Amino acid sequence: MNYELINGVSPQSPAWPTFKQWAKEENAPFIVLQPLPGLLGVAKEQDIQLRSVIDFVTKRRYAKDFYRFFNEAPVPDGAEIFMSGDGVISIIYEGEIIGYVTTYANTRRAVKQIDYLNPDQTKDFTEEYAYDGNEYSNLFYYDNTLQQIQFLNNDGQIVVREYLYDGMINMITIEDPITGKVVTQYDDLTRFLTATVAKMVTAHDTVRIHYMGVELNVLKDSPAHNVLRLAEAPFDDQGTVRGFLLMILKDEINYVQEVEMSRAAYQALTVQNIPLEKATIIDDPLSDPK
């Protein structure tokens, strides 16, 4: 099977229509690295197939044609949900606003998340909801700074915890949803993503990436045939061959077995005597030197 590996869905990117076209030509689902509570809606709106790393670990499944209307949001007993004239949805308890409800765009006010506040109006915690109305994750804050994210399965049980320090994820645990016992622990996000992607694909698959950022790093243990299809010029602003690209072409990064690029990019690299045994010419101008 063919997959397109992306960090996140980015419809605002000028290259996104091309990425979608490539995926459709190969009938390739996108594997998305970032959490995506609205996966079902995004897949429908963008007319693409999506696989989520977090959903793979939590074994989450989505129910089509279901959603949670804003006045059905689970709030504390005695609290009221109130929509003002400007569309802001507040949670009011004993006359005080204790939180806000945010809804998914282009829906009949389907719940996207609930933000609960401390008495000083700083964030206390957030509940995120999947597009089908099931609770997706819990985010906890201290001193208005995100400290921990819990990702849930369809039964509302915690499966993945991400711990943050100074805004960076510095530990991830996967636990048994029944017992709460930690099964696996990772010291950073990249190690978690690398291990999970390696489980999502097989030696019979082809995984294609477009950029040499986190997408490249997480392919390290992938058993698939890994391909970089250049979506940018092979040279940086100083006219130097991009470092990771050069390492791939020299086979110093050997877990990417093929680089797809435009004829113009290929010819420009040939002039510089760059080894091109791993290069394949494609009919697309995204990687043309600027």
Protein backbone atom coordinates (compact mmCIF):
# COMPACT_ATOMS: atom_id res chain seq x y z
CA MET A 1 0.00 0.00 0.00
CA ASN A 2 1.09 3.58 -0.59
CA TYR A 3 1.01 6.29 2.09
CA GLU A 4 1.72 10.01 2.18
CA LEU A 5 3.32 10.95 5.51
CA ILE A 6 2.63 14.51 6.67
CA ASN A 7 3.09 16.39 9.92
CA GLY A 8 -0.35 18.02 9.70
CA VAL A 9 -3.09 18.81 7.21
CA SER A 10 -2.37 22.25 5.73
CA PRO A 11 -5.05 23.38 3.24
CA GLN A 12 -3.63 26.93 3.41
CA SER A 13 -0.32 25.79 1.90
CA PRO A 14 0.10 26.54 -1.84
CA ALA A 15 1.48 23.01 -2.30
CA TRP A 16 -1.48 21.29 -0.61
CA PRO A 17 -3.58 20.81 -3.80
CA THR A 18 -0.58 19.08 -5.39
CA PHE A 19 -0.11 16.82 -2.37
CA LYS A 20 -3.78 15.85 -2.60
CA GLN A 21 -3.41 15.13 -6.30
CA TRP A 22 -0.41 12.88 -5.67
CA ALA A 23 -2.32 11.00 -2.99
CA LYS A 24 -5.33 10.49 -5.25
CA GLU A 25 -3.16 9.25 -8.10
CA GLU A 26 -1.72 6.56 -5.81
CA ASN A 27 -4.93 5.97 -3.83
CA ALA A 28 -2.72 6.73 -0.84
CA PRO A 29 -4.04 7.65 2.62
CA PHE A 30 -2.26 10.42 4.49
CA ILE A 31 -0.60 9.39 7.74
CA VAL A 32 -0.77 12.50 9.92
CA LEU A 33 1.66 12.90 12.81
CA GLN A 34 -0.10 15.68 14.73
CA PRO A 35 -3.20 14.92 16.82
CA LEU A 36 -6.34 15.63 14.80
CA PRO A 37 -9.63 15.52 16.76
CA GLY A 38 -11.52 16.72 13.69
CA LEU A 39 -10.13 13.94 11.47
CA LEU A 40 -13.54 12.81 10.23
CA GLY A 41 -14.58 16.31 9.21
CA VAL A 42 -11.22 17.14 7.63
CA ALA A 43 -11.25 13.92 5.60
CA LYS A 44 -14.73 14.71 4.31
CA GLU A 45 -14.04 18.39 3.62
CA GLN A 46 -10.73 17.72 1.85
CA ASP A 47 -11.93 14.51 0.17
CA ILE A 48 -8.89 12.56 1.37
CA GLN A 49 -8.11 9.42 3.33
CA LEU A 50 -6.52 10.02 6.72
CA ARG A 51 -4.74 7.83 9.27
CA SER A 52 -3.71 9.33 12.61
CA VAL A 53 -0.73 8.23 14.70
CA ILE A 54 -2.59 8.99 17.93
CA ASP A 55 -5.71 7.16 16.74
CA PHE A 56 -3.58 4.13 15.85
CA VAL A 57 -2.28 3.94 19.42
CA THR A 58 -5.61 4.62 21.13
CA LYS A 59 -7.43 2.38 18.62
CA ARG A 60 -10.00 5.13 18.15
CA ARG A 61 -12.80 4.57 15.64
CA TYR A 62 -15.15 7.25 14.31
CA ALA A 63 -18.91 7.08 13.92
CA LYS A 64 -20.12 8.77 10.76
CA ASP A 65 -23.14 11.08 10.86
CA PHE A 66 -22.84 11.59 14.63
CA TYR A 67 -21.92 14.76 16.50
CA ARG A 68 -22.48 16.42 19.86
CA PHE A 69 -24.68 19.55 19.73
CA PHE A 70 -23.33 22.41 21.89
CA ASN A 71 -26.18 22.29 24.43
CA GLU A 72 -25.41 18.58 24.97
CA ALA A 73 -21.88 19.33 26.16
CA PRO A 74 -21.20 17.49 29.42
CA VAL A 75 -20.83 20.27 31.98
CA PRO A 76 -20.83 20.19 35.82
CA ASP A 77 -24.15 19.60 37.54
CA GLY A 78 -25.94 22.88 38.08
CA ALA A 79 -24.07 24.68 35.31
CA GLU A 80 -25.85 26.27 32.35
CA ILE A 81 -24.76 26.66 28.73
CA PHE A 82 -25.54 30.10 27.36
CA MET A 83 -25.04 31.44 23.85
CA SER A 84 -24.74 35.21 23.56
CA GLY A 85 -25.87 37.28 20.59
CA ASP A 86 -22.37 37.26 19.09
CA GLY A 87 -22.22 33.46 19.14
CA VAL A 88 -19.95 33.05 22.18
CA ILE A 89 -20.99 29.96 24.16
CA SER A 90 -20.39 30.30 27.90
CA ILE A 91 -20.68 27.85 30.78
CA ILE A 92 -22.20 29.63 33.75
CA TYR A 93 -22.24 28.31 37.31
CA GLU A 94 -23.82 30.29 40.14
CA GLY A 95 -23.72 33.43 38.02
CA GLU A 96 -20.03 33.13 37.12
CA ILE A 97 -18.51 32.14 33.78
CA ILE A 98 -16.42 29.04 34.44
CA GLY A 99 -15.67 28.09 30.84
CA TYR A 100 -16.41 28.34 27.14
CA VAL A 101 -17.57 25.91 24.47
CA THR A 102 -16.01 26.05 21.00
CA THR A 103 -17.72 24.38 18.04
CA TYR A 104 -16.48 22.96 14.73
CA ALA A 105 -16.76 25.32 11.78
CA ASN A 106 -19.34 24.53 9.12
CA THR A 107 -21.36 22.27 11.43
CA ARG A 108 -24.61 22.73 13.31
CA ARG A 109 -22.56 23.89 16.32
CA ALA A 110 -20.97 20.51 17.00
CA VAL A 111 -18.77 20.64 20.12
CA LYS A 112 -15.06 20.92 19.39
CA GLN A 113 -13.68 21.71 22.84
CA ILE A 114 -14.57 22.98 26.28
CA ASP A 115 -12.17 25.31 28.07
CA TYR A 116 -12.59 25.56 31.85
CA LEU A 117 -11.20 28.56 33.70
CA ASN A 118 -9.74 29.29 37.11
CA PRO A 119 -11.33 32.10 39.19
CA ASP A 120 -8.70 34.52 37.78
CA GLN A 121 -9.82 33.51 34.24
CA THR A 122 -6.60 31.63 33.43
CA LYS A 123 -6.95 28.18 31.87
CA ASP A 124 -7.57 25.26 34.20
CA PHE A 125 -8.16 22.39 31.76
CA THR A 126 -9.57 21.69 28.31
CA GLU A 127 -11.65 18.82 26.98
CA GLU A 128 -11.27 18.19 23.24
CA TYR A 129 -13.96 16.33 21.33
CA ALA A 130 -13.69 14.35 18.13
CA TYR A 131 -15.85 15.30 15.18
CA ASP A 132 -18.31 12.53 16.09
CA GLY A 133 -18.82 13.90 19.61
CA ASN A 134 -16.71 11.44 21.59
CA GLU A 135 -14.20 12.91 24.01
CA TYR A 136 -10.76 12.92 22.40
CA SER A 137 -8.32 14.37 24.92
CA ASN A 138 -7.83 16.28 28.15
CA LEU A 139 -5.35 19.14 28.48
CA PHE A 140 -4.23 20.30 31.92
CA TYR A 141 -2.67 23.66 32.76
CA TYR A 142 -0.74 25.11 35.68
CA ASP A 143 -0.17 28.85 35.90
CA ASN A 144 -1.83 29.12 32.47
CA THR A 145 0.84 26.85 30.93
CA LEU A 146 0.08 23.47 29.38
CA GLN A 147 1.48 20.65 31.53
CA GLN A 148 -0.09 17.40 30.37
CA ILE A 149 -2.21 16.01 27.53
CA GLN A 150 -4.20 12.80 27.89
CA PHE A 151 -5.44 11.02 24.75
CA LEU A 152 -8.46 8.77 25.22
CA ASN A 153 -9.96 5.77 23.49
CA ASN A 154 -13.61 5.50 22.46
CA ASP A 155 -14.55 4.44 25.99
CA GLY A 156 -13.04 7.58 27.50
CA GLN A 157 -10.07 5.71 28.99
CA ILE A 158 -6.58 7.21 28.98
CA VAL A 159 -4.14 5.47 26.62
CA VAL A 160 -1.46 8.09 25.89
CA ARG A 161 -0.09 10.81 28.18
CA GLU A 162 2.20 13.58 27.00
CA TYR A 163 4.09 15.52 29.69
CA LEU A 164 5.41 19.00 28.91
CA TYR A 165 8.13 21.15 30.41
CA ASP A 166 8.79 24.70 29.21
CA GLY A 167 6.41 24.11 26.34
CA MET A 168 8.21 20.99 25.09
CA ILE A 169 7.05 17.38 25.33
CA ASN A 170 9.68 15.65 27.46
CA MET A 171 7.97 12.33 28.16
CA ILE A 172 5.24 10.21 26.62
CA THR A 173 3.69 7.15 28.21
CA ILE A 174 1.37 4.53 26.78
CA GLU A 175 -0.70 2.74 29.36
CA ASP A 176 -3.13 -0.10 29.62
CA PRO A 177 -6.56 1.60 29.50
CA ILE A 178 -8.02 -0.89 31.97
CA THR A 179 -5.34 -1.04 34.65
CA GLY A 180 -3.63 2.31 34.04
CA LYS A 181 -0.26 0.55 34.13
CA VAL A 182 2.42 2.12 31.93
CA VAL A 183 3.28 -0.26 29.10
CA THR A 184 5.77 1.87 27.14
CA GLN A 185 7.59 5.12 27.79
CA TYR A 186 9.34 7.51 25.38
CA ASP A 187 11.65 10.38 26.28
CA ASP A 188 10.50 12.67 23.49
CA LEU A 189 7.90 13.07 20.74
CA THR A 190 10.17 12.00 17.89
CA ARG A 191 10.88 8.62 19.47
CA PHE A 192 7.18 8.04 20.02
CA LEU A 193 6.31 8.97 16.44
CA THR A 194 9.17 6.90 15.02
CA ALA A 195 8.14 3.78 16.91
CA THR A 196 4.47 4.18 16.02
CA VAL A 197 4.97 4.86 12.31
CA ALA A 198 7.15 1.74 12.15
CA LYS A 199 4.17 -0.26 13.43
CA MET A 200 1.68 1.35 11.04
CA VAL A 201 3.47 0.32 7.84
CA THR A 202 5.01 -2.88 6.51
CA ALA A 203 7.87 -3.91 4.23
CA HIS A 204 5.33 -4.20 1.40
CA ASP A 205 4.31 -0.54 1.66
CA THR A 206 5.67 2.66 0.15
CA VAL A 207 5.77 5.78 2.33
CA ARG A 208 6.32 9.13 0.68
CA ILE A 209 7.26 12.37 2.42
CA HIS A 210 7.50 15.89 0.97
CA TYR A 211 9.71 17.75 3.43
CA MET A 212 12.87 16.95 5.39
CA GLY A 213 11.68 17.92 8.86
CA VAL A 214 9.97 15.73 11.44
CA GLU A 215 8.58 13.60 8.59
CA LEU A 216 12.11 12.53 7.67
CA ASN A 217 13.17 11.88 11.26
CA VAL A 218 10.28 9.55 12.06
CA LEU A 219 11.05 7.27 9.09
CA LYS A 220 14.22 6.04 10.79
CA ASP A 221 12.75 2.64 11.75
CA SER A 222 10.17 2.36 8.97
CA PRO A 223 10.28 -1.06 7.26
CA ALA A 224 8.60 0.37 4.14
CA HIS A 225 10.14 1.63 0.91
CA ASN A 226 10.61 5.27 1.91
CA VAL A 227 10.54 7.99 -0.72
CA LEU A 228 11.26 11.72 -0.54
CA ARG A 229 9.33 13.56 -3.24
CA LEU A 230 10.91 17.01 -3.19
CA ALA A 231 8.36 19.77 -2.73
CA GLU A 232 11.00 22.49 -2.61
CA ALA A 233 14.13 23.44 -4.51
CA PRO A 234 17.17 21.23 -3.77
CA PHE A 235 19.22 24.31 -2.82
CA ASP A 236 18.89 26.64 0.15
CA ASP A 237 18.92 30.45 -0.02
CA GLN A 238 22.72 30.42 -0.23
CA GLY A 239 22.67 28.12 -3.25
CA THR A 240 23.98 25.14 -1.28
CA VAL A 241 22.47 21.68 -1.59
CA ARG A 242 20.15 21.15 1.38
CA GLY A 243 22.00 19.21 4.05
CA PHE A 244 19.55 16.36 4.59
CA LEU A 245 19.02 15.97 0.85
CA LEU A 246 22.77 15.61 0.32
CA MET A 247 22.97 13.04 3.12
CA ILE A 248 20.15 11.04 1.53
CA LEU A 249 21.69 11.13 -1.93
CA LYS A 250 25.06 10.09 -0.49
CA ASP A 251 23.25 7.29 1.34
CA GLU A 252 24.39 8.62 4.68
CA ILE A 253 20.67 8.56 5.47
CA ASN A 254 19.93 5.10 4.15
CA TYR A 255 16.38 4.70 5.37
CA VAL A 256 15.13 6.84 2.49
CA GLN A 257 15.69 4.72 -0.58
CA GLU A 258 14.50 7.06 -3.33
CA VAL A 259 14.27 10.78 -4.07
CA GLU A 260 11.74 12.01 -6.65
CA MET A 261 12.50 15.39 -8.22
CA SER A 262 11.88 17.47 -11.31
CA ARG A 263 14.12 17.23 -14.36
CA ALA A 264 15.40 20.75 -13.67
CA ALA A 265 16.38 19.78 -10.12
CA TYR A 266 18.07 16.62 -11.39
CA GLN A 267 20.09 18.53 -13.98
CA ALA A 268 21.13 21.20 -11.48
CA LEU A 269 22.43 18.53 -9.10
CA THR A 270 24.22 16.76 -11.94
CA VAL A 271 26.23 19.91 -12.66
CA GLN A 272 27.46 19.85 -9.05
CA ASN A 273 28.51 16.19 -9.32
CA ILE A 274 26.04 15.10 -6.66
CA PRO A 275 25.47 11.31 -6.64
CA LEU A 276 22.05 10.61 -8.15
CA GLU A 277 21.73 6.82 -8.03
CA LYS A 278 18.76 7.25 -5.66
CA ALA A 279 17.11 9.98 -7.76
CA THR A 280 14.04 9.55 -9.97
CA ILE A 281 12.80 12.23 -12.37
CA ILE A 282 9.10 13.13 -12.15
CA ASP A 283 6.95 15.51 -14.13
CA ASP A 284 6.28 18.15 -11.49
CA PRO A 285 7.81 21.63 -11.07
CA LEU A 286 7.64 21.95 -7.25
CA SER A 287 11.31 21.06 -6.86
CA ASP A 288 12.59 23.25 -9.73
CA PRO A 289 15.53 25.41 -8.60
CA LYS A 290 14.41 28.96 -8.00
